[in-house]
PDB file of all heavy atoms in Angstrom:
ATOM      1  N   ALA A   1     -14.542 -20.344 -23.444  1.00  0.00           N
ATOM      2  CA  ALA A   1     -14.119 -19.045 -23.969  1.00  0.00           C
ATOM      3  C   ALA A   1     -12.623 -18.886 -23.741  1.00  0.00           C
ATOM      4  O   ALA A   1     -12.010 -19.639 -22.978  1.00  0.00           O
ATOM      5  CB  ALA A   1     -14.876 -17.908 -23.283  1.00  0.00           C
ATOM      6  N   ILE A   2     -12.045 -17.918 -24.411  1.00  0.00           N
ATOM      7  CA  ILE A   2     -10.641 -17.554 -24.193  1.00  0.00           C
ATOM      8  C   ILE A   2     -10.620 -16.259 -23.401  1.00  0.00           C
ATOM      9  O   ILE A   2     -11.372 -15.327 -23.691  1.00  0.00           O
ATOM     10  CB  ILE A   2      -9.910 -17.364 -25.530  1.00  0.00           C
ATOM     11  CG1 ILE A   2      -9.919 -18.670 -26.335  1.00  0.00           C
ATOM     12  CG2 ILE A   2      -8.476 -16.893 -25.308  1.00  0.00           C
ATOM     13  CD1 ILE A   2      -9.348 -18.532 -27.732  1.00  0.00           C
ATOM     14  N   VAL A   3      -9.775 -16.207 -22.389  1.00  0.00           N
ATOM     15  CA  VAL A   3      -9.678 -14.990 -21.572  1.00  0.00           C
ATOM     16  C   VAL A   3      -9.157 -13.851 -22.435  1.00  0.00           C
ATOM     17  O   VAL A   3      -8.092 -13.948 -23.047  1.00  0.00           O
ATOM     18  CB  VAL A   3      -8.755 -15.212 -20.357  1.00  0.00           C
ATOM     19  CG1 VAL A   3      -8.609 -13.920 -19.570  1.00  0.00           C
ATOM     20  CG2 VAL A   3      -9.286 -16.314 -19.469  1.00  0.00           C
ATOM     21  N   GLU A   4      -9.921 -12.772 -22.482  1.00  0.00           N
ATOM     22  CA  GLU A   4      -9.540 -11.601 -23.263  1.00  0.00           C
ATOM     23  C   GLU A   4      -9.137 -10.456 -22.332  1.00  0.00           C
ATOM     24  O   GLU A   4      -9.558 -10.401 -21.188  1.00  0.00           O
ATOM     25  CB  GLU A   4     -10.709 -11.160 -24.155  1.00  0.00           C
ATOM     26  CG  GLU A   4     -11.101 -12.194 -25.194  1.00  0.00           C
ATOM     27  CD  GLU A   4     -12.293 -11.754 -26.022  1.00  0.00           C
ATOM     28  OE1 GLU A   4     -12.965 -10.775 -25.619  1.00  0.00           O
ATOM     29  OE2 GLU A   4     -12.557 -12.380 -27.063  1.00  0.00           O
ATOM     30  N   GLY A   5      -8.336  -9.550 -22.855  1.00  0.00           N
ATOM     31  CA  GLY A   5      -7.957  -8.368 -22.095  1.00  0.00           C
ATOM     32  C   GLY A   5      -6.900  -8.600 -21.040  1.00  0.00           C
ATOM     33  O   GLY A   5      -6.795  -7.820 -20.078  1.00  0.00           O
ATOM     34  N   LEU A   6      -6.097  -9.673 -21.201  1.00  0.00           N
ATOM     35  CA  LEU A   6      -5.058  -9.953 -20.205  1.00  0.00           C
ATOM     36  C   LEU A   6      -4.077  -8.789 -20.088  1.00  0.00           C
ATOM     37  O   LEU A   6      -3.644  -8.221 -21.092  1.00  0.00           O
ATOM     38  CB  LEU A   6      -4.284 -11.217 -20.580  1.00  0.00           C
ATOM     39  CG  LEU A   6      -4.935 -12.563 -20.259  1.00  0.00           C
ATOM     40  CD1 LEU A   6      -4.068 -13.696 -20.795  1.00  0.00           C
ATOM     41  CD2 LEU A   6      -5.132 -12.726 -18.762  1.00  0.00           C
ATOM     42  N   ILE A   7      -3.721  -8.470 -18.857  1.00  0.00           N
ATOM     43  CA  ILE A   7      -2.744  -7.400 -18.617  1.00  0.00           C
ATOM     44  C   ILE A   7      -1.328  -7.924 -18.816  1.00  0.00           C
ATOM     45  O   ILE A   7      -0.514  -7.322 -19.509  1.00  0.00           O
ATOM     46  CB  ILE A   7      -2.926  -6.816 -17.201  1.00  0.00           C
ATOM     47  CG1 ILE A   7      -4.296  -6.127 -17.093  1.00  0.00           C
ATOM     48  CG2 ILE A   7      -1.798  -5.832 -16.874  1.00  0.00           C
ATOM     49  CD1 ILE A   7      -4.632  -5.621 -15.715  1.00  0.00           C
ATOM     50  N   PHE A   8      -1.043  -9.067 -18.212  1.00  0.00           N
ATOM     51  CA  PHE A   8       0.282  -9.678 -18.329  1.00  0.00           C
ATOM     52  C   PHE A   8       0.169 -10.848 -19.310  1.00  0.00           C
ATOM     53  O   PHE A   8      -0.225 -11.953 -18.939  1.00  0.00           O
ATOM     54  CB  PHE A   8       0.785 -10.144 -16.966  1.00  0.00           C
ATOM     55  CG  PHE A   8       0.927  -9.026 -15.966  1.00  0.00           C
ATOM     56  CD1 PHE A   8      -0.095  -8.761 -15.060  1.00  0.00           C
ATOM     57  CD2 PHE A   8       2.054  -8.233 -15.949  1.00  0.00           C
ATOM     58  CE1 PHE A   8       0.023  -7.731 -14.142  1.00  0.00           C
ATOM     59  CE2 PHE A   8       2.184  -7.197 -15.031  1.00  0.00           C
ATOM     60  CZ  PHE A   8       1.163  -6.943 -14.125  1.00  0.00           C
ATOM     61  N   LYS A   9       0.506 -10.596 -20.555  1.00  0.00           N
ATOM     62  CA  LYS A   9       0.275 -11.589 -21.603  1.00  0.00           C
ATOM     63  C   LYS A   9       1.295 -12.715 -21.588  1.00  0.00           C
ATOM     64  O   LYS A   9       1.021 -13.813 -22.060  1.00  0.00           O
ATOM     65  CB  LYS A   9       0.255 -10.906 -22.968  1.00  0.00           C
ATOM     66  CG  LYS A   9      -0.940  -9.968 -23.161  1.00  0.00           C
ATOM     67  CD  LYS A   9      -0.944  -9.367 -24.553  1.00  0.00           C
ATOM     68  CE  LYS A   9      -2.233  -8.593 -24.821  1.00  0.00           C
ATOM     69  NZ  LYS A   9      -2.431  -7.467 -23.903  1.00  0.00           N
ATOM     70  N   GLU A  10       2.473 -12.442 -21.055  1.00  0.00           N
ATOM     71  CA  GLU A  10       3.513 -13.475 -21.033  1.00  0.00           C
ATOM     72  C   GLU A  10       4.200 -13.511 -19.676  1.00  0.00           C
ATOM     73  O   GLU A  10       4.685 -12.485 -19.205  1.00  0.00           O
ATOM     74  CB  GLU A  10       4.557 -13.216 -22.124  1.00  0.00           C
ATOM     75  CG  GLU A  10       4.052 -13.410 -23.542  1.00  0.00           C
ATOM     76  CD  GLU A  10       5.163 -13.245 -24.569  1.00  0.00           C
ATOM     77  OE1 GLU A  10       6.342 -13.320 -24.168  1.00  0.00           O
ATOM     78  OE2 GLU A  10       4.858 -13.037 -25.746  1.00  0.00           O
ATOM     79  N   ILE A  11       4.223 -14.683 -19.071  1.00  0.00           N
ATOM     80  CA  ILE A  11       5.060 -14.917 -17.891  1.00  0.00           C
ATOM     81  C   ILE A  11       5.826 -16.217 -18.131  1.00  0.00           C
ATOM     82  O   ILE A  11       5.369 -17.079 -18.874  1.00  0.00           O
ATOM     83  CB  ILE A  11       4.232 -15.013 -16.585  1.00  0.00           C
ATOM     84  CG1 ILE A  11       3.285 -16.217 -16.628  1.00  0.00           C
ATOM     85  CG2 ILE A  11       3.483 -13.730 -16.307  1.00  0.00           C
ATOM     86  CD1 ILE A  11       2.678 -16.547 -15.278  1.00  0.00           C
ATOM     87  N   GLU A  12       6.973 -16.320 -17.525  1.00  0.00           N
ATOM     88  CA  GLU A  12       7.775 -17.532 -17.668  1.00  0.00           C
ATOM     89  C   GLU A  12       7.751 -18.303 -16.350  1.00  0.00           C
ATOM     90  O   GLU A  12       7.940 -17.717 -15.278  1.00  0.00           O
ATOM     91  CB  GLU A  12       9.214 -17.189 -18.038  1.00  0.00           C
ATOM     92  CG  GLU A  12      10.103 -18.415 -18.234  1.00  0.00           C
ATOM     93  CD  GLU A  12      11.544 -18.056 -18.558  1.00  0.00           C
ATOM     94  OE1 GLU A  12      11.804 -16.887 -18.924  1.00  0.00           O
ATOM     95  OE2 GLU A  12      12.413 -18.942 -18.428  1.00  0.00           O
ATOM     96  N   ILE A  13       7.508 -19.595 -16.432  1.00  0.00           N
ATOM     97  CA  ILE A  13       7.510 -20.448 -15.241  1.00  0.00           C
ATOM     98  C   ILE A  13       8.919 -21.001 -15.050  1.00  0.00           C
ATOM     99  O   ILE A  13       9.507 -21.575 -15.975  1.00  0.00           O
ATOM    100  CB  ILE A  13       6.510 -21.615 -15.382  1.00  0.00           C
ATOM    101  CG1 ILE A  13       5.135 -21.098 -15.812  1.00  0.00           C
ATOM    102  CG2 ILE A  13       6.412 -22.382 -14.074  1.00  0.00           C
ATOM    103  CD1 ILE A  13       4.517 -20.106 -14.878  1.00  0.00           C
ATOM    104  N   ILE A  14       9.469 -20.818 -13.849  1.00  0.00           N
ATOM    105  CA  ILE A  14      10.828 -21.278 -13.547  1.00  0.00           C
ATOM    106  C   ILE A  14      10.796 -22.240 -12.358  1.00  0.00           C
ATOM    107  O   ILE A  14       9.815 -22.292 -11.614  1.00  0.00           O
ATOM    108  CB  ILE A  14      11.764 -20.089 -13.237  1.00  0.00           C
ATOM    109  CG1 ILE A  14      11.230 -19.289 -12.037  1.00  0.00           C
ATOM    110  CG2 ILE A  14      11.909 -19.205 -14.465  1.00  0.00           C
ATOM    111  CD1 ILE A  14      12.148 -18.177 -11.566  1.00  0.00           C
ATOM    112  N   ASP A  15      11.858 -22.990 -12.194  1.00  0.00           N
ATOM    113  CA  ASP A  15      11.893 -23.995 -11.122  1.00  0.00           C
ATOM    114  C   ASP A  15      12.176 -23.393  -9.748  1.00  0.00           C
ATOM    115  O   ASP A  15      11.544 -23.761  -8.761  1.00  0.00           O
ATOM    116  CB  ASP A  15      12.938 -25.070 -11.442  1.00  0.00           C
ATOM    117  CG  ASP A  15      12.529 -25.946 -12.618  1.00  0.00           C
ATOM    118  OD1 ASP A  15      11.310 -26.167 -12.785  1.00  0.00           O
ATOM    119  OD2 ASP A  15      13.411 -26.370 -13.374  1.00  0.00           O
ATOM    120  N   GLU A  16      13.127 -22.462  -9.682  1.00  0.00           N
ATOM    121  CA  GLU A  16      13.557 -21.928  -8.391  1.00  0.00           C
ATOM    122  C   GLU A  16      13.738 -20.418  -8.457  1.00  0.00           C
ATOM    123  O   GLU A  16      14.090 -19.865  -9.503  1.00  0.00           O
ATOM    124  CB  GLU A  16      14.887 -22.566  -7.950  1.00  0.00           C
ATOM    125  CG  GLU A  16      14.853 -24.082  -7.794  1.00  0.00           C
ATOM    126  CD  GLU A  16      14.069 -24.529  -6.585  1.00  0.00           C
ATOM    127  OE1 GLU A  16      13.851 -23.692  -5.679  1.00  0.00           O
ATOM    128  OE2 GLU A  16      13.674 -25.709  -6.528  1.00  0.00           O
ATOM    129  N   PHE A  17      13.525 -19.756  -7.317  1.00  0.00           N
ATOM    130  CA  PHE A  17      13.832 -18.331  -7.189  1.00  0.00           C
ATOM    131  C   PHE A  17      15.348 -18.182  -7.068  1.00  0.00           C
ATOM    132  O   PHE A  17      15.972 -18.834  -6.225  1.00  0.00           O
ATOM    133  CB  PHE A  17      13.141 -17.777  -5.946  1.00  0.00           C
ATOM    134  CG  PHE A  17      13.272 -16.289  -5.767  1.00  0.00           C
ATOM    135  CD1 PHE A  17      12.272 -15.436  -6.196  1.00  0.00           C
ATOM    136  CD2 PHE A  17      14.393 -15.733  -5.156  1.00  0.00           C
ATOM    137  CE1 PHE A  17      12.377 -14.064  -6.029  1.00  0.00           C
ATOM    138  CE2 PHE A  17      14.515 -14.372  -4.984  1.00  0.00           C
ATOM    139  CZ  PHE A  17      13.497 -13.528  -5.427  1.00  0.00           C
ATOM    140  N   PRO A  18      15.971 -17.350  -7.885  1.00  0.00           N
ATOM    141  CA  PRO A  18      17.435 -17.221  -7.826  1.00  0.00           C
ATOM    142  C   PRO A  18      17.893 -16.507  -6.552  1.00  0.00           C
ATOM    143  O   PRO A  18      17.481 -15.374  -6.286  1.00  0.00           O
ATOM    144  CB  PRO A  18      17.762 -16.397  -9.079  1.00  0.00           C
ATOM    145  CG  PRO A  18      16.511 -15.646  -9.380  1.00  0.00           C
ATOM    146  CD  PRO A  18      15.378 -16.507  -8.949  1.00  0.00           C
ATOM    147  N   SER A  19      18.757 -17.146  -5.805  1.00  0.00           N
ATOM    148  CA  SER A  19      19.198 -16.594  -4.518  1.00  0.00           C
ATOM    149  C   SER A  19      20.018 -15.321  -4.690  1.00  0.00           C
ATOM    150  O   SER A  19      20.151 -14.538  -3.753  1.00  0.00           O
ATOM    151  CB  SER A  19      20.019 -17.643  -3.759  1.00  0.00           C
ATOM    152  OG  SER A  19      21.146 -18.040  -4.523  1.00  0.00           O
ATOM    153  N   TRP A  20      20.563 -15.113  -5.892  1.00  0.00           N
ATOM    154  CA  TRP A  20      21.411 -13.950  -6.138  1.00  0.00           C
ATOM    155  C   TRP A  20      20.631 -12.733  -6.655  1.00  0.00           C
ATOM    156  O   TRP A  20      21.226 -11.711  -7.002  1.00  0.00           O
ATOM    157  CB  TRP A  20      22.517 -14.319  -7.131  1.00  0.00           C
ATOM    158  CG  TRP A  20      22.007 -14.819  -8.456  1.00  0.00           C
ATOM    159  CD1 TRP A  20      21.774 -14.079  -9.582  1.00  0.00           C
ATOM    160  CD2 TRP A  20      21.662 -16.161  -8.788  1.00  0.00           C
ATOM    161  NE1 TRP A  20      21.296 -14.872 -10.593  1.00  0.00           N
ATOM    162  CE2 TRP A  20      21.229 -16.164 -10.141  1.00  0.00           C
ATOM    163  CE3 TRP A  20      21.684 -17.375  -8.090  1.00  0.00           C
ATOM    164  CZ2 TRP A  20      20.804 -17.325 -10.784  1.00  0.00           C
ATOM    165  CZ3 TRP A  20      21.264 -18.526  -8.745  1.00  0.00           C
ATOM    166  CH2 TRP A  20      20.829 -18.504 -10.072  1.00  0.00           C
ATOM    167  N   ALA A  21      19.321 -12.845  -6.704  1.00  0.00           N
ATOM    168  CA  ALA A  21      18.513 -11.708  -7.165  1.00  0.00           C
ATOM    169  C   ALA A  21      18.743 -10.498  -6.267  1.00  0.00           C
ATOM    170  O   ALA A  21      18.920 -10.620  -5.052  1.00  0.00           O
ATOM    171  CB  ALA A  21      17.042 -12.083  -7.179  1.00  0.00           C
ATOM    172  N   LYS A  22      18.719  -9.316  -6.851  1.00  0.00           N
ATOM    173  CA  LYS A  22      18.926  -8.087  -6.102  1.00  0.00           C
ATOM    174  C   LYS A  22      17.609  -7.525  -5.582  1.00  0.00           C
ATOM    175  O   LYS A  22      16.539  -7.890  -6.038  1.00  0.00           O
ATOM    176  CB  LYS A  22      19.624  -7.051  -6.991  1.00  0.00           C
ATOM    177  CG  LYS A  22      21.001  -7.480  -7.476  1.00  0.00           C
ATOM    178  CD  LYS A  22      21.605  -6.443  -8.416  1.00  0.00           C
ATOM    179  CE  LYS A  22      22.985  -6.870  -8.905  1.00  0.00           C
ATOM    180  NZ  LYS A  22      23.551  -5.896  -9.865  1.00  0.00           N
ATOM    181  N   SER A  23      17.721  -6.616  -4.615  1.00  0.00           N
ATOM    182  CA  SER A  23      16.557  -5.908  -4.051  1.00  0.00           C
ATOM    183  C   SER A  23      15.466  -6.872  -3.565  1.00  0.00           C
ATOM    184  O   SER A  23      14.275  -6.630  -3.748  1.00  0.00           O
ATOM    185  CB  SER A  23      15.968  -4.940  -5.093  1.00  0.00           C
ATOM    186  OG  SER A  23      16.926  -4.004  -5.505  1.00  0.00           O
ATOM    187  N   GLN A  24      15.877  -7.954  -2.940  1.00  0.00           N
ATOM    188  CA  GLN A  24      14.901  -8.934  -2.483  1.00  0.00           C
ATOM    189  C   GLN A  24      14.065  -8.385  -1.323  1.00  0.00           C
ATOM    190  O   GLN A  24      14.581  -7.739  -0.407  1.00  0.00           O
ATOM    191  CB  GLN A  24      15.593 -10.224  -2.049  1.00  0.00           C
ATOM    192  CG  GLN A  24      16.212 -11.006  -3.178  1.00  0.00           C
ATOM    193  CD  GLN A  24      16.727 -12.365  -2.731  1.00  0.00           C
ATOM    194  OE1 GLN A  24      16.155 -13.014  -1.849  1.00  0.00           O
ATOM    195  NE2 GLN A  24      17.803 -12.817  -3.342  1.00  0.00           N
ATOM    196  N   ALA A  25      12.782  -8.640  -1.374  1.00  0.00           N
ATOM    197  CA  ALA A  25      11.862  -8.264  -0.306  1.00  0.00           C
ATOM    198  C   ALA A  25      10.571  -9.039  -0.513  1.00  0.00           C
ATOM    199  O   ALA A  25      10.360  -9.664  -1.562  1.00  0.00           O
ATOM    200  CB  ALA A  25      11.589  -6.759  -0.302  1.00  0.00           C
ATOM    201  N   THR A  26       9.703  -8.991   0.491  1.00  0.00           N
ATOM    202  CA  THR A  26       8.398  -9.644   0.408  1.00  0.00           C
ATOM    203  C   THR A  26       7.313  -8.597   0.233  1.00  0.00           C
ATOM    204  O   THR A  26       7.278  -7.605   0.959  1.00  0.00           O
ATOM    205  CB  THR A  26       8.110 -10.454   1.686  1.00  0.00           C
ATOM    206  OG1 THR A  26       9.095 -11.472   1.836  1.00  0.00           O
ATOM    207  CG2 THR A  26       6.724 -11.091   1.630  1.00  0.00           C
ATOM    208  N   GLY A  27       6.432  -8.818  -0.728  1.00  0.00           N
ATOM    209  CA  GLY A  27       5.227  -8.001  -0.858  1.00  0.00           C
ATOM    210  C   GLY A  27       4.076  -8.757  -0.228  1.00  0.00           C
ATOM    211  O   GLY A  27       3.990  -9.982  -0.364  1.00  0.00           O
ATOM    212  N   ILE A  28       3.201  -8.063   0.485  1.00  0.00           N
ATOM    213  CA  ILE A  28       2.097  -8.756   1.148  1.00  0.00           C
ATOM    214  C   ILE A  28       0.786  -7.992   0.990  1.00  0.00           C
ATOM    215  O   ILE A  28       0.741  -6.760   1.087  1.00  0.00           O
ATOM    216  CB  ILE A  28       2.409  -9.006   2.644  1.00  0.00           C
ATOM    217  CG1 ILE A  28       1.376  -9.949   3.270  1.00  0.00           C
ATOM    218  CG2 ILE A  28       2.518  -7.700   3.423  1.00  0.00           C
ATOM    219  CD1 ILE A  28       1.806 -10.501   4.623  1.00  0.00           C
ATOM    220  N   ASP A  29      -0.262  -8.749   0.707  1.00  0.00           N
ATOM    221  CA  ASP A  29      -1.625  -8.223   0.601  1.00  0.00           C
ATOM    222  C   ASP A  29      -2.459  -8.930   1.667  1.00  0.00           C
ATOM    223  O   ASP A  29      -2.536 -10.160   1.682  1.00  0.00           O
ATOM    224  CB  ASP A  29      -2.192  -8.500  -0.797  1.00  0.00           C
ATOM    225  CG  ASP A  29      -3.596  -7.949  -0.977  1.00  0.00           C
ATOM    226  OD1 ASP A  29      -3.784  -6.743  -0.740  1.00  0.00           O
ATOM    227  OD2 ASP A  29      -4.508  -8.719  -1.352  1.00  0.00           O
ATOM    228  N   PHE A  30      -3.072  -8.171   2.564  1.00  0.00           N
ATOM    229  CA  PHE A  30      -3.795  -8.765   3.694  1.00  0.00           C
ATOM    230  C   PHE A  30      -5.216  -9.161   3.302  1.00  0.00           C
ATOM    231  O   PHE A  30      -5.895  -8.471   2.544  1.00  0.00           O
ATOM    232  CB  PHE A  30      -3.853  -7.785   4.875  1.00  0.00           C
ATOM    233  CG  PHE A  30      -2.504  -7.383   5.396  1.00  0.00           C
ATOM    234  CD1 PHE A  30      -2.144  -6.034   5.481  1.00  0.00           C
ATOM    235  CD2 PHE A  30      -1.588  -8.333   5.805  1.00  0.00           C
ATOM    236  CE1 PHE A  30      -0.909  -5.647   5.960  1.00  0.00           C
ATOM    237  CE2 PHE A  30      -0.338  -7.964   6.283  1.00  0.00           C
ATOM    238  CZ  PHE A  30       0.004  -6.616   6.363  1.00  0.00           C
ATOM    239  N   GLY A  31      -5.671 -10.272   3.851  1.00  0.00           N
ATOM    240  CA  GLY A  31      -7.055 -10.731   3.699  1.00  0.00           C
ATOM    241  C   GLY A  31      -7.454 -11.423   4.983  1.00  0.00           C
ATOM    242  O   GLY A  31      -6.728 -11.409   5.962  1.00  0.00           O
ATOM    243  N   PHE A  32      -8.609 -12.070   4.974  1.00  0.00           N
ATOM    244  CA  PHE A  32      -8.963 -12.900   6.124  1.00  0.00           C
ATOM    245  C   PHE A  32     -10.046 -13.923   5.779  1.00  0.00           C
ATOM    246  O   PHE A  32      -9.773 -15.081   5.570  1.00  0.00           O
ATOM    247  CB  PHE A  32      -9.402 -12.080   7.337  1.00  0.00           C
ATOM    248  CG  PHE A  32      -9.574 -12.943   8.566  1.00  0.00           C
ATOM    249  CD1 PHE A  32      -8.465 -13.497   9.190  1.00  0.00           C
ATOM    250  CD2 PHE A  32     -10.826 -13.239   9.076  1.00  0.00           C
ATOM    251  CE1 PHE A  32      -8.602 -14.332  10.296  1.00  0.00           C
ATOM    252  CE2 PHE A  32     -10.983 -14.062  10.176  1.00  0.00           C
ATOM    253  CZ  PHE A  32      -9.863 -14.601  10.788  1.00  0.00           C
ATOM    254  N   THR A  33     -11.299 -13.501   5.685  1.00  0.00           N
ATOM    255  CA  THR A  33     -12.392 -14.469   5.582  1.00  0.00           C
ATOM    256  C   THR A  33     -12.446 -15.139   4.218  1.00  0.00           C
ATOM    257  O   THR A  33     -12.207 -16.345   4.098  1.00  0.00           O
ATOM    258  CB  THR A  33     -13.743 -13.787   5.879  1.00  0.00           C
ATOM    259  OG1 THR A  33     -13.664 -13.148   7.157  1.00  0.00           O
ATOM    260  CG2 THR A  33     -14.866 -14.815   5.908  1.00  0.00           C
ATOM    261  N   ASN A  34     -12.777 -14.393   3.183  1.00  0.00           N
ATOM    262  CA  ASN A  34     -12.858 -14.958   1.842  1.00  0.00           C
ATOM    263  C   ASN A  34     -11.635 -14.641   1.004  1.00  0.00           C
ATOM    264  O   ASN A  34     -11.235 -15.422   0.145  1.00  0.00           O
ATOM    265  CB  ASN A  34     -14.114 -14.450   1.131  1.00  0.00           C
ATOM    266  CG  ASN A  34     -15.385 -14.942   1.797  1.00  0.00           C
ATOM    267  OD1 ASN A  34     -15.520 -16.119   2.113  1.00  0.00           O
ATOM    268  ND2 ASN A  34     -16.321 -14.033   2.037  1.00  0.00           N
ATOM    269  N   ASP A  35     -11.028 -13.476   1.243  1.00  0.00           N
ATOM    270  CA  ASP A  35      -9.813 -13.103   0.524  1.00  0.00           C
ATOM    271  C   ASP A  35      -8.597 -13.627   1.280  1.00  0.00           C
ATOM    272  O   ASP A  35      -8.509 -13.486   2.503  1.00  0.00           O
ATOM    273  CB  ASP A  35      -9.700 -11.588   0.397  1.00  0.00           C
ATOM    274  CG  ASP A  35     -10.758 -11.013  -0.523  1.00  0.00           C
ATOM    275  OD1 ASP A  35     -11.297 -11.776  -1.344  1.00  0.00           O
ATOM    276  OD2 ASP A  35     -11.048  -9.808  -0.408  1.00  0.00           O
ATOM    277  N   PRO A  36      -7.649 -14.208   0.567  1.00  0.00           N
ATOM    278  CA  PRO A  36      -6.459 -14.731   1.248  1.00  0.00           C
ATOM    279  C   PRO A  36      -5.471 -13.623   1.596  1.00  0.00           C
ATOM    280  O   PRO A  36      -5.477 -12.549   0.997  1.00  0.00           O
ATOM    281  CB  PRO A  36      -5.857 -15.658   0.192  1.00  0.00           C
ATOM    282  CG  PRO A  36      -6.230 -15.012  -1.102  1.00  0.00           C
ATOM    283  CD  PRO A  36      -7.612 -14.442  -0.883  1.00  0.00           C
ATOM    284  N   THR A  37      -4.644 -13.899   2.575  1.00  0.00           N
ATOM    285  CA  THR A  37      -3.437 -13.097   2.780  1.00  0.00           C
ATOM    286  C   THR A  37      -2.377 -13.699   1.873  1.00  0.00           C
ATOM    287  O   THR A  37      -2.082 -14.891   1.952  1.00  0.00           O
ATOM    288  CB  THR A  37      -2.976 -13.140   4.239  1.00  0.00           C
ATOM    289  OG1 THR A  37      -3.964 -12.506   5.063  1.00  0.00           O
ATOM    290  CG2 THR A  37      -1.639 -12.430   4.409  1.00  0.00           C
TER     291      THR A  37
END
């Protein structure tokens, strides 16, 4: 099947995170047993 109802229809894959990007920070979602952190 083809995945339907995608929220983010287009993303671009890049080689490196640009060091000059502004407002840099880390977002984190906690998990443990079955869900990853």
